[in-house]
Amino acid sequence: MADFFYYGIWSDSLRILETLTSMQQFEFVLDIGYVKPTPLAFTSLGADALGAIGKPGQLFLKSNSFSEFPVSLSKPTDEGVMTIAPAISGPFLSLRLPAYFEINGRASVGLGWLRYQPRYYHPETREPLQTSESLRAEYIRVKKILLSLMTRRYALQAAPQKGAFQAKEELLWIGRDALILLESNEVGILIGPEWRWIQGKDLYKNSQKIL
């Protein structure tokens, strides 16, 4: 699975949505729990769409250029709730929209991502299918758009190596508004597999690697 991870707050997420909806190329399918067998989707960013998206938000991007099949839902749970079944739908680009949150009394910017599945299945025959070149190309194009709305920063984290820990540099892409809060040290950010909480003072504009 191809993944691009980034960090932001809700105003960064809205900027992403405004940019992508202005392209008039995608249908945005809400990845939420459904009690009726009709997925919710939108193509423009109106009040109804904003009211339906959660914080953080999870969306599937559907397009005639790379989506072959209609949206399918999972079987209902015991509570009657269904979810999008991406393995037999689309295929889609998956977009998570980050938002500010608090954990253990600490304020943090959120984690977002853009991704797609390397394979999926025909909804009727269950034949395994490979991701198309058009979907991979669209992933790269949307990733470039997201990068244009982000700022690059670096952070050092402890990485296990041969029974000890060694400093490892991590490249972070951060939304503009989230970075303003981080640099004021009003909020922090959780990074790395150990979910270490850092602040703006722990971020670097340039790589600290010794060439």
C-alpha atoms as a PDB file:
ATOM      1  CA  MET A   1       0.000   0.000   0.000  1.00  0.00           C
ATOM      2  CA  ALA A   2       1.351   3.417  -0.973  1.00  0.00           C
ATOM      3  CA  ASP A   3       1.168   5.859   1.947  1.00  0.00           C
ATOM      4  CA  PHE A   4       1.872   9.548   2.357  1.00  0.00           C
ATOM      5  CA  PHE A   5       1.599  10.795   5.949  1.00  0.00           C
ATOM      6  CA  TYR A   6       1.302  14.395   7.050  1.00  0.00           C
ATOM      7  CA  TYR A   7       0.210  16.469  10.060  1.00  0.00           C
ATOM      8  CA  GLY A   8      -2.314  19.266  10.409  1.00  0.00           C
ATOM      9  CA  ILE A   9      -5.290  20.851  12.113  1.00  0.00           C
ATOM     10  CA  TRP A  10      -8.815  21.239  10.789  1.00  0.00           C
ATOM     11  CA  SER A  11      -8.154  24.524   8.945  1.00  0.00           C
ATOM     12  CA  ASP A  12      -5.376  22.715   7.033  1.00  0.00           C
ATOM     13  CA  SER A  13      -7.853  19.954   6.201  1.00  0.00           C
ATOM     14  CA  LEU A  14     -10.371  22.485   4.900  1.00  0.00           C
ATOM     15  CA  ARG A  15      -7.689  24.003   2.681  1.00  0.00           C
ATOM     16  CA  ILE A  16      -7.006  20.562   1.244  1.00  0.00           C
ATOM     17  CA  LEU A  17     -10.703  19.951   0.616  1.00  0.00           C
ATOM     18  CA  GLU A  18     -11.177  23.346  -1.012  1.00  0.00           C
ATOM     19  CA  THR A  19      -8.245  22.664  -3.325  1.00  0.00           C
ATOM     20  CA  LEU A  20      -9.365  19.169  -4.318  1.00  0.00           C
ATOM     21  CA  THR A  21     -13.046  20.026  -4.792  1.00  0.00           C
ATOM     22  CA  SER A  22     -12.080  22.985  -7.000  1.00  0.00           C
ATOM     23  CA  MET A  23     -10.564  20.481  -9.453  1.00  0.00           C
ATOM     24  CA  GLN A  24     -14.101  19.142 -10.113  1.00  0.00           C
ATOM     25  CA  GLN A  25     -12.662  15.701 -10.744  1.00  0.00           C
ATOM     26  CA  PHE A  26     -13.557  13.640  -7.682  1.00  0.00           C
ATOM     27  CA  GLU A  27     -16.577  12.325  -5.872  1.00  0.00           C
ATOM     28  CA  PHE A  28     -15.839  12.299  -2.137  1.00  0.00           C
ATOM     29  CA  VAL A  29     -17.399   9.308  -0.370  1.00  0.00           C
ATOM     30  CA  LEU A  30     -17.664   9.521   3.419  1.00  0.00           C
ATOM     31  CA  ASP A  31     -16.043   6.619   5.254  1.00  0.00           C
ATOM     32  CA  ILE A  32     -18.461   6.466   8.183  1.00  0.00           C
ATOM     33  CA  GLY A  33     -20.880   3.996   9.722  1.00  0.00           C
ATOM     34  CA  TYR A  34     -24.134   3.633   7.759  1.00  0.00           C
ATOM     35  CA  VAL A  35     -27.503   2.336   8.926  1.00  0.00           C
ATOM     36  CA  LYS A  36     -29.023   2.798   5.451  1.00  0.00           C
ATOM     37  CA  PRO A  37     -27.491   1.138   2.351  1.00  0.00           C
ATOM     38  CA  THR A  38     -26.842   4.470   0.632  1.00  0.00           C
ATOM     39  CA  PRO A  39     -23.316   5.889   0.935  1.00  0.00           C
ATOM     40  CA  LEU A  40     -23.033   9.658   1.362  1.00  0.00           C
ATOM     41  CA  ALA A  41     -20.931  11.519  -1.168  1.00  0.00           C
ATOM     42  CA  PHE A  42     -20.322  15.058  -2.387  1.00  0.00           C
ATOM     43  CA  THR A  43     -18.523  16.807  -5.239  1.00  0.00           C
ATOM     44  CA  SER A  44     -18.495  20.364  -3.877  1.00  0.00           C
ATOM     45  CA  LEU A  45     -17.750  21.720  -0.436  1.00  0.00           C
ATOM     46  CA  GLY A  46     -21.081  23.053   0.851  1.00  0.00           C
ATOM     47  CA  ALA A  47     -22.609  23.261   4.304  1.00  0.00           C
ATOM     48  CA  ASP A  48     -24.163  19.794   4.017  1.00  0.00           C
ATOM     49  CA  ALA A  49     -20.815  18.218   3.165  1.00  0.00           C
ATOM     50  CA  LEU A  50     -19.017  20.003   5.980  1.00  0.00           C
ATOM     51  CA  GLY A  51     -21.707  18.948   8.438  1.00  0.00           C
ATOM     52  CA  ALA A  52     -21.377  15.290   7.444  1.00  0.00           C
ATOM     53  CA  ILE A  53     -17.583  15.050   7.622  1.00  0.00           C
ATOM     54  CA  GLY A  54     -16.233  14.061  11.004  1.00  0.00           C
ATOM     55  CA  LYS A  55     -13.185  15.532  12.731  1.00  0.00           C
ATOM     56  CA  PRO A  56     -10.844  13.943  11.871  1.00  0.00           C
ATOM     57  CA  GLY A  57     -12.435  13.083   8.549  1.00  0.00           C
ATOM     58  CA  GLN A  58     -12.051   9.953   6.482  1.00  0.00           C
ATOM     59  CA  LEU A  59     -12.919  10.065   2.774  1.00  0.00           C
ATOM     60  CA  PHE A  60     -12.587   7.931  -0.327  1.00  0.00           C
ATOM     61  CA  LEU A  61     -11.875   9.761  -3.589  1.00  0.00           C
ATOM     62  CA  LYS A  62     -13.719   8.227  -6.527  1.00  0.00           C
ATOM     63  CA  SER A  63     -13.147   9.223 -10.154  1.00  0.00           C
ATOM     64  CA  ASN A  64     -14.181   8.049 -13.605  1.00  0.00           C
ATOM     65  CA  SER A  65     -10.509   8.074 -14.555  1.00  0.00           C
ATOM     66  CA  PHE A  66      -9.546   5.239 -12.169  1.00  0.00           C
ATOM     67  CA  SER A  67     -12.671   3.839 -10.419  1.00  0.00           C
ATOM     68  CA  GLU A  68     -14.228   0.818 -12.151  1.00  0.00           C
ATOM     69  CA  PHE A  69     -16.935  -0.271  -9.712  1.00  0.00           C
ATOM     70  CA  PRO A  70     -19.648   1.361  -7.609  1.00  0.00           C
ATOM     71  CA  VAL A  71     -19.318   1.813  -3.853  1.00  0.00           C
ATOM     72  CA  SER A  72     -20.022  -1.386  -1.903  1.00  0.00           C
ATOM     73  CA  LEU A  73     -20.891  -1.630   1.783  1.00  0.00           C
ATOM     74  CA  SER A  74     -19.919  -4.316   4.253  1.00  0.00           C
ATOM     75  CA  LYS A  75     -22.399  -6.699   5.826  1.00  0.00           C
ATOM     76  CA  PRO A  76     -24.216  -5.086   8.778  1.00  0.00           C
ATOM     77  CA  THR A  77     -22.866  -5.627  12.267  1.00  0.00           C
ATOM     78  CA  ASP A  78     -25.115  -6.936  15.034  1.00  0.00           C
ATOM     79  CA  GLU A  79     -26.020  -3.275  15.631  1.00  0.00           C
ATOM     80  CA  GLY A  80     -26.991  -2.855  11.970  1.00  0.00           C
ATOM     81  CA  VAL A  81     -24.036  -0.619  11.034  1.00  0.00           C
ATOM     82  CA  MET A  82     -22.354  -0.912   7.631  1.00  0.00           C
ATOM     83  CA  THR A  83     -19.074   0.574   6.411  1.00  0.00           C
ATOM     84  CA  ILE A  84     -17.474   1.150   3.018  1.00  0.00           C
ATOM     85  CA  ALA A  85     -15.835  -2.020   1.645  1.00  0.00           C
ATOM     86  CA  PRO A  86     -12.903  -0.618  -0.378  1.00  0.00           C
ATOM     87  CA  ALA A  87     -11.547  -4.054  -1.320  1.00  0.00           C
ATOM     88  CA  ILE A  88     -14.596  -4.652  -3.579  1.00  0.00           C
ATOM     89  CA  SER A  89     -15.309  -1.044  -4.559  1.00  0.00           C
ATOM     90  CA  GLY A  90     -13.769   1.664  -6.681  1.00  0.00           C
ATOM     91  CA  PRO A  91     -10.811   1.440  -6.470  1.00  0.00           C
ATOM     92  CA  PHE A  92     -10.320   4.682  -4.531  1.00  0.00           C
ATOM     93  CA  LEU A  93      -7.786   7.038  -3.120  1.00  0.00           C
ATOM     94  CA  SER A  94      -8.148   7.127   0.669  1.00  0.00           C
ATOM     95  CA  LEU A  95      -7.753  10.512   2.369  1.00  0.00           C
ATOM     96  CA  ARG A  96      -7.659  11.145   6.108  1.00  0.00           C
ATOM     97  CA  LEU A  97      -8.165  14.759   7.157  1.00  0.00           C
ATOM     98  CA  PRO A  98      -6.423  15.593  10.450  1.00  0.00           C
ATOM     99  CA  ALA A  99      -7.756  17.753  13.265  1.00  0.00           C
ATOM    100  CA  TYR A 100      -6.460  19.133  16.557  1.00  0.00           C
ATOM    101  CA  PHE A 101      -6.986  16.778  19.510  1.00  0.00           C
ATOM    102  CA  GLU A 102      -5.989  16.303  23.138  1.00  0.00           C
ATOM    103  CA  ILE A 103      -4.487  13.208  24.725  1.00  0.00           C
ATOM    104  CA  ASN A 104      -3.493  12.855  28.375  1.00  0.00           C
ATOM    105  CA  GLY A 105      -4.018  16.585  28.827  1.00  0.00           C
ATOM    106  CA  ARG A 106      -1.693  17.500  25.961  1.00  0.00           C
ATOM    107  CA  ALA A 107      -2.832  19.337  22.826  1.00  0.00           C
ATOM    108  CA  SER A 108      -1.571  17.869  19.546  1.00  0.00           C
ATOM    109  CA  VAL A 109      -1.920  18.377  15.821  1.00  0.00           C
ATOM    110  CA  GLY A 110      -3.439  15.407  14.015  1.00  0.00           C
ATOM    111  CA  LEU A 111      -2.114  12.783  11.629  1.00  0.00           C
ATOM    112  CA  GLY A 112      -3.477  12.593   8.081  1.00  0.00           C
ATOM    113  CA  TRP A 113      -2.699  10.408   5.107  1.00  0.00           C
ATOM    114  CA  LEU A 114      -3.206   9.748   1.431  1.00  0.00           C
ATOM    115  CA  ARG A 115      -3.066   6.125   0.306  1.00  0.00           C
ATOM    116  CA  TYR A 116      -4.328   3.499  -2.098  1.00  0.00           C
ATOM    117  CA  GLN A 117      -4.527  -0.293  -2.048  1.00  0.00           C
ATOM    118  CA  PRO A 118      -2.081  -2.287  -4.204  1.00  0.00           C
ATOM    119  CA  ARG A 119      -4.882  -4.693  -5.164  1.00  0.00           C
ATOM    120  CA  TYR A 120      -8.625  -5.095  -4.911  1.00  0.00           C
ATOM    121  CA  TYR A 121     -11.276  -7.614  -5.996  1.00  0.00           C
ATOM    122  CA  HIS A 122     -14.048  -7.778  -8.563  1.00  0.00           C
ATOM    123  CA  PRO A 123     -17.244  -7.250  -6.521  1.00  0.00           C
ATOM    124  CA  GLU A 124     -19.060 -10.158  -8.236  1.00  0.00           C
ATOM    125  CA  THR A 125     -16.402 -12.742  -9.137  1.00  0.00           C
ATOM    126  CA  ARG A 126     -13.931 -11.853  -6.344  1.00  0.00           C
ATOM    127  CA  GLU A 127     -11.163 -12.042  -8.945  1.00  0.00           C
ATOM    128  CA  PRO A 128      -8.029 -10.276  -7.599  1.00  0.00           C
ATOM    129  CA  LEU A 129      -7.164  -7.156  -9.587  1.00  0.00           C
ATOM    130  CA  GLN A 130      -4.023  -5.053  -9.638  1.00  0.00           C
ATOM    131  CA  THR A 131      -4.049  -1.301  -9.137  1.00  0.00           C
ATOM    132  CA  SER A 132      -4.123   0.508 -12.459  1.00  0.00           C
ATOM    133  CA  GLU A 133      -1.507   2.937 -13.760  1.00  0.00           C
ATOM    134  CA  SER A 134      -4.164   5.655 -13.807  1.00  0.00           C
ATOM    135  CA  LEU A 135      -4.776   5.274 -10.050  1.00  0.00           C
ATOM    136  CA  ARG A 136      -1.054   5.324  -9.276  1.00  0.00           C
ATOM    137  CA  ALA A 137      -0.615   8.406 -11.464  1.00  0.00           C
ATOM    138  CA  GLU A 138      -3.503  10.167  -9.721  1.00  0.00           C
ATOM    139  CA  TYR A 139      -2.048   9.297  -6.324  1.00  0.00           C
ATOM    140  CA  ILE A 140       1.216  10.968  -7.329  1.00  0.00           C
ATOM    141  CA  ARG A 141      -0.625  14.024  -8.647  1.00  0.00           C
ATOM    142  CA  VAL A 142      -2.756  14.460  -5.507  1.00  0.00           C
ATOM    143  CA  LYS A 143       0.303  13.888  -3.328  1.00  0.00           C
ATOM    144  CA  LYS A 144       2.064  16.751  -5.121  1.00  0.00           C
ATOM    145  CA  ILE A 145      -0.953  18.974  -4.425  1.00  0.00           C
ATOM    146  CA  LEU A 146      -0.840  18.087  -0.733  1.00  0.00           C
ATOM    147  CA  LEU A 147       2.894  18.756  -0.634  1.00  0.00           C
ATOM    148  CA  SER A 148       2.294  22.234  -2.065  1.00  0.00           C
ATOM    149  CA  LEU A 149       0.078  22.967   0.966  1.00  0.00           C
ATOM    150  CA  MET A 150       2.634  21.678   3.487  1.00  0.00           C
ATOM    151  CA  THR A 151       5.940  22.757   4.987  1.00  0.00           C
ATOM    152  CA  ARG A 152       8.837  20.363   5.446  1.00  0.00           C
ATOM    153  CA  ARG A 153      10.409  19.921   8.851  1.00  0.00           C
ATOM    154  CA  TYR A 154      12.737  17.373  10.441  1.00  0.00           C
ATOM    155  CA  ALA A 155      12.712  15.752  13.882  1.00  0.00           C
ATOM    156  CA  LEU A 156      15.062  13.384  15.664  1.00  0.00           C
ATOM    157  CA  GLN A 157      13.715  10.253  17.297  1.00  0.00           C
ATOM    158  CA  ALA A 158      15.249   7.304  19.095  1.00  0.00           C
ATOM    159  CA  ALA A 159      15.391   4.163  16.961  1.00  0.00           C
ATOM    160  CA  PRO A 160      16.333   0.708  18.327  1.00  0.00           C
ATOM    161  CA  GLN A 161      19.502  -0.703  16.782  1.00  0.00           C
ATOM    162  CA  LYS A 162      21.343  -3.836  17.974  1.00  0.00           C
ATOM    163  CA  GLY A 163      19.858  -3.688  21.450  1.00  0.00           C
ATOM    164  CA  ALA A 164      20.536   0.042  21.882  1.00  0.00           C
ATOM    165  CA  PHE A 165      18.882   3.250  20.763  1.00  0.00           C
ATOM    166  CA  GLN A 166      20.283   5.546  18.109  1.00  0.00           C
ATOM    167  CA  ALA A 167      19.019   8.956  16.989  1.00  0.00           C
ATOM    168  CA  LYS A 168      17.170   8.736  13.698  1.00  0.00           C
ATOM    169  CA  GLU A 169      15.993  11.657  11.620  1.00  0.00           C
ATOM    170  CA  GLU A 170      12.388  11.749  10.448  1.00  0.00           C
ATOM    171  CA  LEU A 171      11.024  13.945   7.673  1.00  0.00           C
ATOM    172  CA  LEU A 172       7.661  15.519   8.559  1.00  0.00           C
ATOM    173  CA  TRP A 173       5.201  17.325   6.298  1.00  0.00           C
ATOM    174  CA  ILE A 174       3.089  19.767   8.280  1.00  0.00           C
ATOM    175  CA  GLY A 175       0.124  21.950   7.315  1.00  0.00           C
ATOM    176  CA  ARG A 176       0.719  25.700   7.420  1.00  0.00           C
ATOM    177  CA  ASP A 177      -1.701  26.481  10.237  1.00  0.00           C
ATOM    178  CA  ALA A 178      -0.544  23.519  12.307  1.00  0.00           C
ATOM    179  CA  LEU A 179       3.056  24.698  11.933  1.00  0.00           C
ATOM    180  CA  ILE A 180       2.166  28.154  13.274  1.00  0.00           C
ATOM    181  CA  LEU A 181       0.763  26.539  16.432  1.00  0.00           C
ATOM    182  CA  LEU A 182       3.722  24.188  16.728  1.00  0.00           C
ATOM    183  CA  GLU A 183       6.269  26.985  16.421  1.00  0.00           C
ATOM    184  CA  SER A 184       4.464  28.955  19.123  1.00  0.00           C
ATOM    185  CA  ASN A 185       4.757  25.803  21.295  1.00  0.00           C
ATOM    186  CA  GLU A 186       0.997  25.980  21.959  1.00  0.00           C
ATOM    187  CA  VAL A 187       0.552  22.392  20.779  1.00  0.00           C
ATOM    188  CA  GLY A 188       2.753  19.374  20.188  1.00  0.00           C
ATOM    189  CA  ILE A 189       2.941  16.506  17.769  1.00  0.00           C
ATOM    190  CA  LEU A 190       3.088  12.727  18.277  1.00  0.00           C
ATOM    191  CA  ILE A 191       5.660  11.069  16.025  1.00  0.00           C
ATOM    192  CA  GLY A 192       7.318   7.746  15.503  1.00  0.00           C
ATOM    193  CA  PRO A 193       6.421   4.192  16.462  1.00  0.00           C
ATOM    194  CA  GLU A 194       6.915   5.091  20.131  1.00  0.00           C
ATOM    195  CA  TRP A 195       4.468   8.027  19.785  1.00  0.00           C
ATOM    196  CA  ARG A 196       6.888  10.544  21.237  1.00  0.00           C
ATOM    197  CA  TRP A 197       5.356  13.967  21.963  1.00  0.00           C
ATOM    198  CA  ILE A 198       7.467  16.875  20.692  1.00  0.00           C
ATOM    199  CA  GLN A 199       6.980  20.623  20.247  1.00  0.00           C
ATOM    200  CA  GLY A 200       7.984  23.179  17.648  1.00  0.00           C
ATOM    201  CA  LYS A 201      11.305  23.783  19.387  1.00  0.00           C
ATOM    202  CA  ASP A 202      12.208  20.155  18.590  1.00  0.00           C
ATOM    203  CA  LEU A 203      11.744  20.630  14.827  1.00  0.00           C
ATOM    204  CA  TYR A 204      14.445  21.599  12.339  1.00  0.00           C
ATOM    205  CA  LYS A 205      14.085  23.460   9.046  1.00  0.00           C
ATOM    206  CA  ASN A 206      17.052  21.660   7.537  1.00  0.00           C
ATOM    207  CA  SER A 207      18.304  18.115   7.728  1.00  0.00           C
ATOM    208  CA  GLN A 208      20.674  17.439  10.623  1.00  0.00           C
ATOM    209  CA  LYS A 209      22.402  14.583   8.822  1.00  0.00           C
ATOM    210  CA  ILE A 210      26.151  14.910   8.417  1.00  0.00           C
ATOM    211  CA  LEU A 211      26.965  14.393   4.772  1.00  0.00           C
END
